[in-house]
Each structure stands twice: as C-alpha cells, then as structure tokens.
C-alpha cells in the first residue's frame, strides 16, 4: 500500500503516517528509483491490532473508563 492509502485507511494525515514509518512503529519499505514507500497490508493490520491491544490495556488500567 502507498503511504497515502495507509493515511486514508487510518483516517489520518500523510505526515502522521510518515512519522509512524520514521519511528519504526509502522514497518515500510522503499521501492523503485523514486524511493516510493510501501506498507504491506499485513503490517498495517498488525499495527492496528497493536493499537487495539494498547487501548484495551489503557481502558483496563483507567478506572474512569471501565464498565460498571
């Protein structure tokens, strides 16, 4: 997937996706002479699952967010 596609999928701006790639949070590779960045669908899905797991942990640890 192109970074633009990832941004659309995550409903964020392109600079945020670039920051995720630069930080290593979202694995990507550079392809071709122009150095276009690509993210494999499976890597994006893994990133999303990690974010869900992180959110669940935060909810569990935050008493104001727990279900009553």
Protein backbone atom coordinates (compact mmCIF):
# COMPACT_ATOMS: atom_id res chain seq x y z
CA UNK A 1 0.00 0.00 0.00
CA UNK A 2 1.17 3.53 -0.67
CA UNK A 3 1.52 5.81 2.34
CA UNK A 4 -1.39 7.84 1.01
CA UNK A 5 -3.55 4.71 1.09
CA UNK A 6 -2.47 3.97 4.65
CA UNK A 7 -3.35 7.53 5.68
CA UNK A 8 -6.80 7.12 4.16
CA UNK A 9 -7.30 3.74 5.83
CA UNK A 10 -6.33 5.13 9.24
CA UNK A 11 -8.18 8.40 8.64
CA UNK A 12 -5.08 10.45 9.43
CA UNK A 13 -2.92 12.90 7.50
CA UNK A 14 0.05 11.75 5.43
CA UNK A 15 2.65 13.40 7.72
CA UNK A 16 1.37 11.28 10.60
CA UNK A 17 1.87 8.10 8.56
CA UNK A 18 5.37 9.25 7.61
CA UNK A 19 6.12 9.79 11.30
CA UNK A 20 4.92 6.26 12.12
CA UNK A 21 7.21 4.86 9.42
CA UNK A 22 10.15 7.01 10.52
CA UNK A 23 9.73 5.95 14.16
CA UNK A 24 9.57 2.28 13.18
CA UNK A 25 6.08 1.83 14.60
CA UNK A 26 4.78 1.01 11.13
CA UNK A 27 7.20 -1.11 9.09
CA UNK A 28 7.61 0.00 5.48
CA UNK A 29 9.99 -0.46 2.59
CA UNK A 30 11.25 1.85 -0.12
CA UNK A 31 10.75 0.58 -3.65
CA UNK A 32 11.86 1.80 -7.04
CA UNK A 33 14.07 4.54 -8.35
CA UNK A 34 11.90 7.25 -6.87
CA UNK A 35 12.08 5.71 -3.42
CA UNK A 36 8.34 5.30 -3.01
CA UNK A 37 7.39 3.92 0.40
CA UNK A 38 5.12 0.90 0.66
CA UNK A 39 3.45 -0.78 3.62
CA UNK A 40 2.31 -4.37 3.36
CA UNK A 41 -1.35 -4.91 4.25
CA UNK A 42 -0.33 -7.43 6.93
CA UNK A 43 1.95 -4.84 8.58
CA UNK A 44 -0.88 -2.33 8.66
CA UNK A 45 -3.23 -4.93 10.15
CA UNK A 46 -0.59 -5.80 12.78
CA UNK A 47 -0.21 -2.12 13.64
CA UNK A 48 -3.98 -1.74 14.03
CA UNK A 49 -4.18 -4.84 16.25
CA UNK A 50 -1.35 -3.50 18.42
CA UNK A 51 -3.21 -0.22 18.83
CA UNK A 52 -6.38 -2.10 19.85
CA UNK A 53 -4.39 -4.09 22.41
CA UNK A 54 -2.86 -0.89 23.75
CA UNK A 55 -6.31 0.72 24.00
CA UNK A 56 -7.69 -2.31 25.88
CA UNK A 57 -4.80 -2.12 28.33
CA UNK A 58 -5.33 1.59 28.88
CA UNK A 59 -9.04 1.04 29.49
CA UNK A 60 -8.28 -1.77 31.95
CA UNK A 61 -5.83 0.43 33.84
CA UNK A 62 -8.02 3.56 33.86
CA UNK A 63 -10.83 3.24 36.38
CA UNK A 64 -12.75 6.12 34.77
CA UNK A 65 -13.09 4.12 31.54
CA UNK A 66 -14.08 0.74 32.99
CA UNK A 67 -17.59 -0.58 32.52
CA UNK A 68 -19.65 -0.53 35.68
